[in-house]
């Protein structure tokens, strides 16, 4: 095997664990509250393949609904088969799709990727955000860590996802 092919294969193998974490996270979100039929907390992804598909699949595994915010492109991305059909939304413009993501985003998986993709230290150095805004960002590697972090943030901010007596 050529060294470059080995590097690509190793990278794909290392990242494949995020597929499984995303699927586990989809199940955790779907099982929150009073179970899969309780849609007060619902998983939202980009509705495409790969990690997005895995998260929708996790919700599907336990019989819960999930949302997909897909994009209409001439030769690319089709909605994955695990999105609840009535909750599959197609956008024509990237900007509108991104607006809906930003409005709803609570978690992104994979610290090594996101520390580089969203370089908070760079944003501070550029004066785009204040130094104390670094505390708004946290990283998790497992589905359980992600879910616990989201719940902790909501509780600390006085906006619990669900009341304790409403949890499944």
Protein backbone atom coordinates (compact mmCIF):
# COMPACT_ATOMS: atom_id res chain seq x y z
CA UNK A 1 0.00 0.00 0.00
CA UNK A 2 1.29 3.46 -0.89
CA UNK A 3 2.12 5.65 2.19
CA UNK A 4 -0.53 8.20 1.20
CA UNK A 5 -3.19 5.47 0.92
CA UNK A 6 -2.17 4.16 4.35
CA UNK A 7 -2.54 7.66 5.80
CA UNK A 8 -6.04 8.06 4.30
CA UNK A 9 -7.08 4.60 5.52
CA UNK A 10 -5.81 5.34 9.05
CA UNK A 11 -7.60 8.71 9.07
CA UNK A 12 -10.89 7.11 7.98
CA UNK A 13 -10.54 4.41 10.62
CA UNK A 14 -9.79 6.96 13.37
CA UNK A 15 -12.79 9.07 12.36
CA UNK A 16 -15.14 6.08 12.08
CA UNK A 17 -15.50 6.06 15.86
CA UNK A 18 -17.25 9.44 15.55
CA UNK A 19 -19.88 7.73 13.40
CA UNK A 20 -20.63 5.37 16.29
CA UNK A 21 -20.56 8.24 18.82
CA UNK A 22 -23.00 10.23 16.68
CA UNK A 23 -25.32 7.22 16.48
CA UNK A 24 -25.13 6.76 20.27
CA UNK A 25 -25.77 10.49 20.75
CA UNK A 26 -28.86 10.27 18.51
CA UNK A 27 -30.19 7.49 20.75
CA UNK A 28 -29.50 9.50 23.95
CA UNK A 29 -31.33 12.56 22.65
CA UNK A 30 -34.21 10.43 21.38
CA UNK A 31 -34.59 8.68 24.74
CA UNK A 32 -34.68 11.93 26.74
CA UNK A 33 -37.82 13.06 28.47
CA UNK A 34 -40.51 10.44 28.53
CA UNK A 35 -38.97 8.46 25.70
CA UNK A 36 -39.04 8.41 21.90
CA UNK A 37 -42.63 9.66 21.63
CA UNK A 38 -41.77 12.81 23.59
CA UNK A 39 -40.64 15.31 20.92
CA UNK A 40 -39.90 18.27 23.21
CA UNK A 41 -36.21 17.53 22.67
CA UNK A 42 -35.62 16.43 19.07
CA UNK A 43 -32.40 15.69 17.20
CA UNK A 44 -31.60 17.98 14.24
CA UNK A 45 -28.88 17.23 11.67
CA UNK A 46 -28.00 18.33 8.17
CA UNK A 47 -29.91 15.31 6.93
CA UNK A 48 -27.12 14.06 4.69
CA UNK A 49 -24.82 11.04 4.80
CA UNK A 50 -21.96 10.16 7.17
CA UNK A 51 -22.04 11.64 10.70
CA UNK A 52 -25.41 13.29 10.07
CA UNK A 53 -26.86 9.96 8.98
CA UNK A 54 -25.42 8.24 12.05
CA UNK A 55 -27.15 10.63 14.46
CA UNK A 56 -30.49 10.30 12.65
CA UNK A 57 -30.00 6.52 12.66
CA UNK A 58 -29.52 6.56 16.43
CA UNK A 59 -32.89 8.24 16.90
CA UNK A 60 -34.42 5.83 14.39
CA UNK A 61 -32.98 2.88 16.36
CA UNK A 62 -35.24 3.69 19.31
CA UNK A 63 -38.31 4.66 17.28
CA UNK A 64 -37.97 8.43 17.73
CA UNK A 65 -38.47 11.21 15.23
CA UNK A 66 -35.56 13.33 14.05
CA UNK A 67 -35.18 16.35 11.82
CA UNK A 68 -33.00 16.77 8.74
CA UNK A 69 -32.10 20.16 7.25
CA UNK A 70 -31.02 19.11 3.79
CA UNK A 71 -29.73 21.15 0.87
CA UNK A 72 -30.88 20.91 -2.72
CA UNK A 73 -27.85 20.46 -4.95
CA UNK A 74 -27.81 19.30 -8.57
CA UNK A 75 -25.49 16.30 -8.18
CA UNK A 76 -24.97 15.85 -4.47
CA UNK A 77 -26.47 15.09 -1.09
CA UNK A 78 -29.80 13.36 -0.75
CA UNK A 79 -31.64 13.07 2.56
CA UNK A 80 -30.55 10.04 4.56
CA UNK A 81 -33.17 7.30 5.09
CA UNK A 82 -33.34 7.75 8.89
CA UNK A 83 -34.90 11.22 8.98
CA UNK A 84 -38.59 11.29 9.87
CA UNK A 85 -40.12 11.94 6.42
CA UNK A 86 -42.43 14.69 7.68
CA UNK A 87 -39.43 16.42 9.31
CA UNK A 88 -37.13 16.46 6.28
CA UNK A 89 -36.67 20.04 5.16
CA UNK A 90 -34.89 20.96 1.93
CA UNK A 91 -33.17 24.31 1.53
CA UNK A 92 -32.21 25.91 -1.74
CA UNK A 93 -29.73 28.37 -0.24
CA UNK A 94 -26.81 27.47 2.03
CA UNK A 95 -27.26 30.70 3.99
CA UNK A 96 -30.80 29.82 5.09
CA UNK A 97 -29.77 26.30 6.03
CA UNK A 98 -26.80 27.61 8.04
CA UNK A 99 -29.08 30.12 9.78
CA UNK A 100 -31.28 27.28 11.02
CA UNK A 101 -28.20 25.31 12.15
CA UNK A 102 -26.74 28.22 14.09
CA UNK A 103 -30.09 28.92 15.73
CA UNK A 104 -30.45 25.34 16.95
CA UNK A 105 -26.88 24.04 17.40
CA UNK A 106 -26.00 22.72 20.85
CA UNK A 107 -23.23 20.23 20.11
CA UNK A 108 -20.62 19.31 17.51
CA UNK A 109 -18.60 16.08 17.88
CA UNK A 110 -14.83 15.60 17.89
CA UNK A 111 -12.45 17.86 19.81
CA UNK A 112 -9.41 17.54 17.54
CA UNK A 113 -11.48 18.58 14.50
CA UNK A 114 -13.46 21.41 16.12
CA UNK A 115 -10.50 22.98 17.94
CA UNK A 116 -9.05 23.59 14.49
CA UNK A 117 -12.27 24.33 12.60
CA UNK A 118 -13.43 26.88 15.18
CA UNK A 119 -10.21 28.33 16.57
CA UNK A 120 -11.47 30.27 19.60
CA UNK A 121 -8.00 31.55 20.49
CA UNK A 122 -7.70 33.04 17.00
CA UNK A 123 -11.08 34.74 17.38
CA UNK A 124 -9.95 36.27 20.69
CA UNK A 125 -6.64 37.41 19.16
CA UNK A 126 -8.52 39.04 16.28
CA UNK A 127 -10.84 40.83 18.70
CA UNK A 128 -13.91 39.13 17.27
CA UNK A 129 -14.89 37.72 20.66
CA UNK A 130 -13.90 38.60 24.23
CA UNK A 131 -11.43 36.42 26.13
CA UNK A 132 -14.10 35.32 28.60
CA UNK A 133 -16.14 33.99 25.67
CA UNK A 134 -13.70 31.06 25.57
CA UNK A 135 -15.74 29.69 28.48
CA UNK A 136 -18.75 29.34 26.19
CA UNK A 137 -16.97 26.54 24.32
CA UNK A 138 -16.34 23.07 25.65
CA UNK A 139 -15.34 19.84 23.99
CA UNK A 140 -16.46 16.25 24.41
CA UNK A 141 -15.47 13.02 22.74
CA UNK A 142 -18.26 10.61 23.64
CA UNK A 143 -22.01 10.66 23.24
CA UNK A 144 -22.47 10.53 27.01
CA UNK A 145 -20.08 13.46 27.62
CA UNK A 146 -21.87 15.51 24.97
CA UNK A 147 -25.32 14.82 26.38
CA UNK A 148 -24.23 15.48 29.98
CA UNK A 149 -22.55 18.73 28.90
CA UNK A 150 -25.68 19.96 27.14
CA UNK A 151 -27.84 19.13 30.15
CA UNK A 152 -25.36 20.79 32.53
CA UNK A 153 -25.31 23.98 30.43
CA UNK A 154 -29.09 24.16 30.41
CA UNK A 155 -29.34 23.56 34.16
CA UNK A 156 -26.56 26.09 34.96
CA UNK A 157 -28.28 28.72 32.84
CA UNK A 158 -31.62 28.12 34.57
CA UNK A 159 -33.17 26.65 31.42
CA UNK A 160 -33.32 22.87 32.00
CA UNK A 161 -34.19 20.84 28.93
CA UNK A 162 -36.78 18.97 30.95
CA UNK A 163 -37.89 19.20 34.55
CA UNK A 164 -36.54 16.40 36.74
CA UNK A 165 -40.03 14.90 37.12
CA UNK A 166 -40.37 14.84 33.30
CA UNK A 167 -37.30 12.70 32.60
CA UNK A 168 -37.84 9.16 31.41
